[in-house]
Amino acid sequence: MHTVAVLALDGVIPFDLSTPVDAFGRARLPDGRAAYRVRVCAVDDEVDAGHFTLRAPWGLVELADADTIVLPGCADPEAAVKPEVIDALRRAAADGTRIASICVGSFVLAATGLLDGLRATTHWLAAEALARMYPAVDVDPDVLYVDNGQFLTSAGSAAGLDLCLHMIRRDYGSAVAADAARLSVMPLEREGGQAQFIVHQEPPAPAGATLEPLLRWMEENAGRELTLSGIAEHAGMSPRTVNRRFREQTGTTPLQWLHRARIRQAQHLLETTAHPVDRIAAQVGFGSPTAFRDRFKRQVGTSPQAYRRAFRGAR
């Protein structure tokens, strides 16, 4: 039987801990037998889980016997990882054990060096910190999970369930995974990635930047047909100068910045109105509904209609 060891460290996030315990613990083979043996392991006798303290039946030594190790996130993801934990995970990896992280559990996995040179994800709020602390890791904040074969990472807590179902499907096929998904009242595959959950209050611009008045004007007039020459004329600069200033201060071009502003306005309208998608496309400045849908899918990771179904009324 496949053994899954879930490592509970101090500050463990209860939801992250319960997700693999429940998902793997419920999985059943076609003949009704349990698909996995699940063990909750810890370094010490008691684990601080925030609102409560828990006792884990197993210790670090059990990681050596596991086929899969799951690392739930902790409340302080940037906290130092104990050397004995790093050593145990490295030894398990050397033996071929599959290791997966949920949410900010990716920080623990990254601390081992096992993610160096690999693509990985984490909660979008923590992606910048993960990339800063572990520059050798290729951090992708837009996806729900990343499967590198032996090492897997997932985005926010709910995406941990997506990852667990993915691993169940890898181990036992789609039928067993679909049954586990139904028990969790969860689709086996969700549309889109993590990008649709990232909140951009407005496109980024450094406070006090010399372009700030122009950025405000562009945002206020995003519904109009704006061209590079028109933007440059309003700013009293040449198109070449405007392009250079945008690259220096926003890291992108004027038109790319404008597209992002328009998509953010479209997200707001999809969340708060019942306007048809074609009308929203025109409202935010897209001349073609098809161009709007393509741009929206590329930037948000899902279609406008799917985004509306997921988020309308959430506010």
Protein backbone atom coordinates (compact mmCIF):
# COMPACT_ATOMS: atom_id res chain seq x y z
CA MET A 1 0.00 0.00 0.00
CA HIS A 2 1.20 3.50 -0.84
CA THR A 3 2.20 5.40 2.31
CA VAL A 4 1.69 9.17 2.54
CA ALA A 5 3.48 11.02 5.34
CA VAL A 6 2.11 14.48 6.12
CA LEU A 7 4.69 16.55 8.01
CA ALA A 8 3.20 18.88 10.63
CA LEU A 9 5.67 21.58 11.69
CA ASP A 10 5.08 24.24 14.35
CA GLY A 11 2.67 26.86 13.05
CA VAL A 12 1.10 24.40 10.62
CA ILE A 13 -1.99 25.75 8.86
CA PRO A 14 -4.84 23.39 9.86
CA PHE A 15 -6.56 23.51 6.46
CA ASP A 16 -3.32 22.62 4.68
CA LEU A 17 -2.79 19.74 7.09
CA SER A 18 -6.29 18.33 6.79
CA THR A 19 -6.41 18.48 2.97
CA PRO A 20 -3.97 15.61 2.23
CA VAL A 21 -5.11 13.65 5.29
CA ASP A 22 -8.71 13.76 4.04
CA ALA A 23 -8.05 13.42 0.30
CA PHE A 24 -5.67 10.47 0.52
CA GLY A 25 -7.48 8.96 3.48
CA ARG A 26 -10.79 8.82 1.58
CA ALA A 27 -9.39 7.43 -1.67
CA ARG A 28 -10.60 3.91 -2.39
CA LEU A 29 -9.62 1.34 -4.98
CA PRO A 30 -12.33 -0.19 -7.21
CA ASP A 31 -12.64 -3.17 -4.86
CA GLY A 32 -13.24 -0.86 -1.88
CA ARG A 33 -9.82 -1.16 -0.26
CA ALA A 34 -8.04 1.95 1.00
CA ALA A 35 -5.65 3.33 -1.62
CA TYR A 36 -3.28 4.95 0.87
CA ARG A 37 -1.90 4.60 4.35
CA VAL A 38 -1.74 8.15 5.81
CA ARG A 39 0.61 9.10 8.64
CA VAL A 40 0.86 12.51 10.30
CA CYS A 41 4.48 13.05 11.37
CA ALA A 42 6.12 15.77 13.48
CA VAL A 43 9.48 16.76 14.91
CA ASP A 44 8.28 17.14 18.50
CA ASP A 45 5.62 15.47 20.62
CA GLU A 46 3.31 18.50 20.34
CA VAL A 47 2.71 20.80 17.36
CA ASP A 48 1.44 24.36 17.62
CA ALA A 49 -1.40 24.70 15.10
CA GLY A 50 -2.44 28.21 16.08
CA HIS A 51 -5.88 27.82 17.64
CA PHE A 52 -5.04 24.41 19.06
CA THR A 53 -2.18 22.02 19.79
CA LEU A 54 -1.98 18.61 18.16
CA ARG A 55 -0.10 15.40 18.83
CA ALA A 56 1.25 13.50 15.83
CA PRO A 57 1.50 9.71 16.15
CA TRP A 58 4.73 9.49 14.13
CA GLY A 59 8.09 11.24 14.00
CA LEU A 60 10.67 12.17 11.38
CA VAL A 61 11.99 8.63 11.18
CA GLU A 62 8.76 7.54 9.46
CA LEU A 63 9.53 9.82 6.51
CA ALA A 64 12.09 7.27 5.39
CA ASP A 65 9.36 4.66 4.86
CA ALA A 66 6.95 6.95 2.99
CA ASP A 67 6.26 6.79 -0.74
CA THR A 68 5.00 10.38 -0.69
CA ILE A 69 5.72 13.20 1.74
CA VAL A 70 3.37 16.20 1.89
CA LEU A 71 4.48 19.53 3.37
CA PRO A 72 1.57 21.70 4.54
CA GLY A 73 2.10 25.45 4.86
CA CYS A 74 3.00 27.20 8.11
CA ALA A 75 1.78 30.52 9.49
CA ASP A 76 5.25 32.07 9.13
CA PRO A 77 6.55 30.69 5.84
CA GLU A 78 9.83 32.60 6.12
CA ALA A 79 10.75 31.02 9.46
CA ALA A 80 13.94 28.98 9.52
CA VAL A 81 13.49 25.27 8.90
CA LYS A 82 15.12 22.97 11.46
CA PRO A 83 18.26 21.22 10.16
CA GLU A 84 16.90 17.80 11.07
CA VAL A 85 13.84 18.43 8.87
CA ILE A 86 16.00 19.47 5.93
CA ASP A 87 18.24 16.43 6.39
CA ALA A 88 15.27 14.04 6.59
CA LEU A 89 13.70 15.48 3.42
CA ARG A 90 16.98 15.33 1.51
CA ARG A 91 17.53 11.71 2.51
CA ALA A 92 14.00 10.81 1.45
CA ALA A 93 14.50 12.58 -1.89
CA ALA A 94 17.75 10.70 -2.46
CA ASP A 95 15.79 7.47 -2.01
CA GLY A 96 13.28 8.56 -4.68
CA THR A 97 10.44 9.60 -2.39
CA ARG A 98 7.89 11.94 -3.98
CA ILE A 99 7.63 15.23 -2.07
CA ALA A 100 4.78 17.70 -2.49
CA SER A 101 4.01 21.03 -0.84
CA ILE A 102 0.70 22.74 -0.19
CA CYS A 103 0.45 26.53 -0.31
CA VAL A 104 3.43 28.10 1.50
CA GLY A 105 4.76 24.65 2.37
CA SER A 106 6.83 25.36 -0.74
CA PHE A 107 9.14 27.43 1.48
CA VAL A 108 10.06 24.30 3.45
CA LEU A 109 10.69 22.36 0.25
CA ALA A 110 12.72 25.21 -1.23
CA ALA A 111 14.85 25.38 1.93
CA THR A 112 16.15 21.89 1.16
CA GLY A 113 17.53 23.03 -2.19
CA LEU A 114 15.49 20.32 -3.94
CA LEU A 115 13.60 22.92 -5.99
CA ASP A 116 16.72 24.66 -7.30
CA GLY A 117 16.51 25.01 -11.06
CA LEU A 118 12.90 23.83 -11.10
CA ARG A 119 9.61 25.59 -11.72
CA ALA A 120 7.43 25.86 -8.61
CA THR A 121 4.41 27.71 -7.32
CA THR A 122 2.98 28.90 -4.01
CA HIS A 123 0.19 31.19 -2.81
CA TRP A 124 0.23 34.29 -5.01
CA LEU A 125 0.62 36.54 -1.96
CA ALA A 126 3.85 34.73 -1.04
CA ALA A 127 5.28 34.27 -4.53
CA GLU A 128 7.46 37.38 -4.39
CA ALA A 129 8.91 36.34 -1.02
CA LEU A 130 9.64 32.82 -2.25
CA ALA A 131 11.42 34.16 -5.33
CA ARG A 132 13.42 36.60 -3.18
CA MET A 133 14.49 33.99 -0.62
CA TYR A 134 15.24 31.25 -3.15
CA PRO A 135 16.36 32.88 -6.41
CA ALA A 136 17.40 29.51 -7.85
CA VAL A 137 13.71 28.49 -7.94
CA ASP A 138 11.62 29.49 -10.98
CA VAL A 139 8.49 30.76 -9.21
CA ASP A 140 5.27 30.76 -11.27
CA PRO A 141 2.46 32.55 -9.37
CA ASP A 142 -0.24 31.91 -11.99
CA VAL A 143 -0.82 28.15 -11.87
CA LEU A 144 -2.73 25.94 -9.42
CA TYR A 145 0.10 23.42 -9.14
CA VAL A 146 3.37 22.36 -10.73
CA ASP A 147 4.38 18.72 -11.24
CA ASN A 148 8.12 18.20 -11.75
CA GLY A 149 7.83 14.45 -11.37
CA GLN A 150 9.41 13.84 -7.97
CA PHE A 151 8.78 17.31 -6.57
CA LEU A 152 5.37 18.99 -6.74
CA THR A 153 4.09 22.32 -5.44
CA SER A 154 0.61 23.83 -5.20
CA ALA A 155 -0.77 27.32 -4.89
CA GLY A 156 -3.14 28.46 -2.13
CA SER A 157 -4.74 26.05 0.30
CA ALA A 158 -7.65 24.99 -1.93
CA ALA A 159 -5.20 24.26 -4.75
CA GLY A 160 -3.66 21.68 -2.43
CA LEU A 161 -6.75 19.57 -3.08
CA ASP A 162 -6.24 19.96 -6.83
CA LEU A 163 -2.69 18.68 -6.33
CA CYS A 164 -3.76 15.74 -4.16
CA LEU A 165 -6.34 14.66 -6.76
CA HIS A 166 -3.67 14.98 -9.43
CA MET A 167 -1.35 12.68 -7.47
CA ILE A 168 -4.16 10.17 -6.90
CA ARG A 169 -4.77 10.12 -10.64
CA ARG A 170 -1.05 9.61 -11.27
CA ASP A 171 -0.99 6.70 -8.82
CA TYR A 172 -4.25 4.90 -9.56
CA GLY A 173 -5.85 6.41 -12.67
CA SER A 174 -8.77 8.72 -13.42
CA ALA A 175 -11.55 6.50 -12.05
CA VAL A 176 -10.11 6.39 -8.52
CA ALA A 177 -9.27 10.11 -8.66
CA ALA A 178 -12.76 11.00 -9.92
CA ASP A 179 -14.31 9.06 -7.05
CA ALA A 180 -12.08 10.93 -4.56
CA ALA A 181 -13.07 14.21 -6.20
CA ARG A 182 -16.77 13.42 -5.86
CA LEU A 183 -16.32 12.62 -2.17
CA SER A 184 -14.67 16.03 -1.74
CA VAL A 185 -17.41 17.76 -3.82
CA MET A 186 -14.65 19.00 -6.09
CA PRO A 187 -14.11 18.91 -9.87
CA LEU A 188 -11.24 16.66 -10.89
CA GLU A 189 -9.87 19.56 -12.92
CA ARG A 190 -10.64 23.24 -12.38
CA GLU A 191 -10.64 25.72 -15.25
CA GLY A 192 -7.91 28.34 -15.24
CA GLY A 193 -4.98 28.89 -12.91
CA GLN A 194 -4.20 30.99 -9.89
CA ALA A 195 -4.03 34.20 -11.94
CA GLN A 196 -7.80 34.66 -11.74
CA PHE A 197 -7.57 35.00 -7.94
CA ILE A 198 -4.81 37.60 -7.88
CA VAL A 199 -6.19 41.01 -6.90
CA HIS A 200 -4.65 43.92 -8.79
CA GLN A 201 -6.21 47.05 -7.36
CA GLU A 202 -4.57 48.95 -10.21
CA PRO A 203 -1.67 48.35 -12.57
CA PRO A 204 1.64 48.85 -10.78
CA ALA A 205 3.32 52.25 -10.78
CA PRO A 206 5.94 53.47 -8.33
CA ALA A 207 4.58 56.10 -5.96
CA GLY A 208 5.80 59.52 -6.99
CA ALA A 209 6.85 58.34 -10.46
CA THR A 210 7.03 61.10 -13.04
CA LEU A 211 4.54 59.11 -15.15
CA GLU A 212 1.95 58.96 -12.38
CA PRO A 213 -0.30 61.75 -13.79
CA LEU A 214 -0.20 60.08 -17.20
CA LEU A 215 -1.04 56.67 -15.70
CA ARG A 216 -4.04 58.15 -13.89
CA TRP A 217 -5.23 59.78 -17.12
CA MET A 218 -4.84 56.51 -19.03
CA GLU A 219 -6.79 54.61 -16.40
CA GLU A 220 -9.59 57.18 -16.41
CA ASN A 221 -9.74 57.10 -20.22
CA ALA A 222 -9.17 53.38 -20.74
CA GLY A 223 -12.58 53.06 -22.41
CA ARG A 224 -11.52 55.38 -25.21
CA GLU A 225 -9.51 54.38 -28.27
CA LEU A 226 -6.00 55.23 -27.10
CA THR A 227 -2.96 54.90 -29.32
CA LEU A 228 0.73 55.25 -28.52
CA SER A 229 0.89 58.51 -30.48
CA GLY A 230 -2.18 59.83 -28.64
CA ILE A 231 -0.72 58.90 -25.26
CA ALA A 232 2.58 60.54 -26.19
CA GLU A 233 0.80 63.68 -27.39
CA HIS A 234 -1.13 63.98 -24.12
CA ALA A 235 2.13 63.56 -22.18
CA GLY A 236 3.95 66.12 -24.30
CA MET A 237 6.62 63.58 -25.24
CA SER A 238 7.66 61.65 -28.29
CA PRO A 239 6.43 58.04 -28.61
CA ARG A 240 10.02 56.86 -28.20
CA THR A 241 10.44 58.83 -24.95
CA VAL A 242 7.12 57.57 -23.58
CA ASN A 243 8.15 54.00 -24.32
CA ARG A 244 11.49 54.49 -22.58
CA ARG A 245 9.90 56.11 -19.49
CA PHE A 246 7.36 53.30 -19.22
CA ARG A 247 10.07 50.66 -19.41
CA GLU A 248 12.05 52.45 -16.68
CA GLN A 249 9.14 53.11 -14.31
CA THR A 250 6.64 50.28 -14.88
CA GLY A 251 8.71 47.57 -16.53
CA THR A 252 6.33 47.36 -19.48
CA THR A 253 5.12 49.30 -22.52
CA PRO A 254 2.31 51.91 -22.54
CA LEU A 255 -0.05 49.65 -24.48
CA GLN A 256 0.66 46.61 -22.30
CA TRP A 257 0.00 48.74 -19.22
CA LEU A 258 -3.24 49.97 -20.80
CA HIS A 259 -4.38 46.42 -21.58
CA ARG A 260 -3.82 45.42 -17.97
CA ALA A 261 -5.82 48.43 -16.74
CA ARG A 262 -8.66 47.54 -19.10
CA ILE A 263 -8.73 43.90 -17.98
CA ARG A 264 -8.84 44.96 -14.32
CA GLN A 265 -11.81 47.22 -15.08
CA ALA A 266 -13.45 44.34 -16.93
CA GLN A 267 -12.97 42.06 -13.92
CA HIS A 268 -14.74 44.63 -11.74
CA LEU A 269 -17.67 44.85 -14.17
CA LEU A 270 -17.93 41.07 -14.46
CA GLU A 271 -18.03 40.80 -10.67
CA THR A 272 -20.53 43.60 -10.02
CA THR A 273 -22.86 43.88 -13.06
CA ALA A 274 -24.95 41.69 -15.32
CA HIS A 275 -23.77 43.48 -18.47
CA PRO A 276 -23.19 41.18 -21.45
CA VAL A 277 -19.57 40.35 -22.11
CA ASP A 278 -19.62 42.16 -25.48
CA ARG A 279 -20.87 45.34 -23.80
CA ILE A 280 -18.14 45.12 -21.16
CA ALA A 281 -15.55 44.66 -23.90
CA ALA A 282 -16.67 47.93 -25.49
CA GLN A 283 -16.92 49.72 -22.12
CA VAL A 284 -13.31 49.04 -21.23
CA GLY A 285 -11.95 50.01 -24.64
CA PHE A 286 -11.70 46.83 -26.70
CA GLY A 287 -12.93 47.34 -30.22
CA SER A 288 -13.48 43.64 -30.75
CA PRO A 289 -15.19 41.20 -28.33
CA THR A 290 -12.94 38.45 -29.71
CA ALA A 291 -9.81 40.48 -28.95
CA PHE A 292 -11.18 41.11 -25.44
CA ARG A 293 -11.82 37.41 -24.80
CA ASP A 294 -8.37 36.47 -26.06
CA ARG A 295 -6.64 39.11 -23.95
CA PHE A 296 -8.71 38.24 -20.88
CA LYS A 297 -7.93 34.52 -21.21
CA ARG A 298 -4.23 35.25 -21.68
CA GLN A 299 -3.99 37.55 -18.65
CA VAL A 300 -6.47 36.00 -16.19
CA GLY A 301 -6.18 32.37 -17.20
CA THR A 302 -9.87 31.75 -17.80
CA SER A 303 -12.71 33.09 -19.95
CA PRO A 304 -14.81 36.16 -18.99
CA GLN A 305 -17.91 33.98 -18.56
CA ALA A 306 -16.11 31.47 -16.37
CA TYR A 307 -14.63 34.31 -14.32
CA ARG A 308 -18.10 35.79 -13.83
CA ARG A 309 -19.53 32.46 -12.69
CA ALA A 310 -16.73 32.10 -10.15
CA PHE A 311 -16.63 35.63 -8.79
CA ARG A 312 -19.88 37.52 -9.34
CA GLY A 313 -21.28 38.42 -5.96
CA ALA A 314 -18.08 37.46 -4.15
CA ARG A 315 -17.60 41.03 -3.10
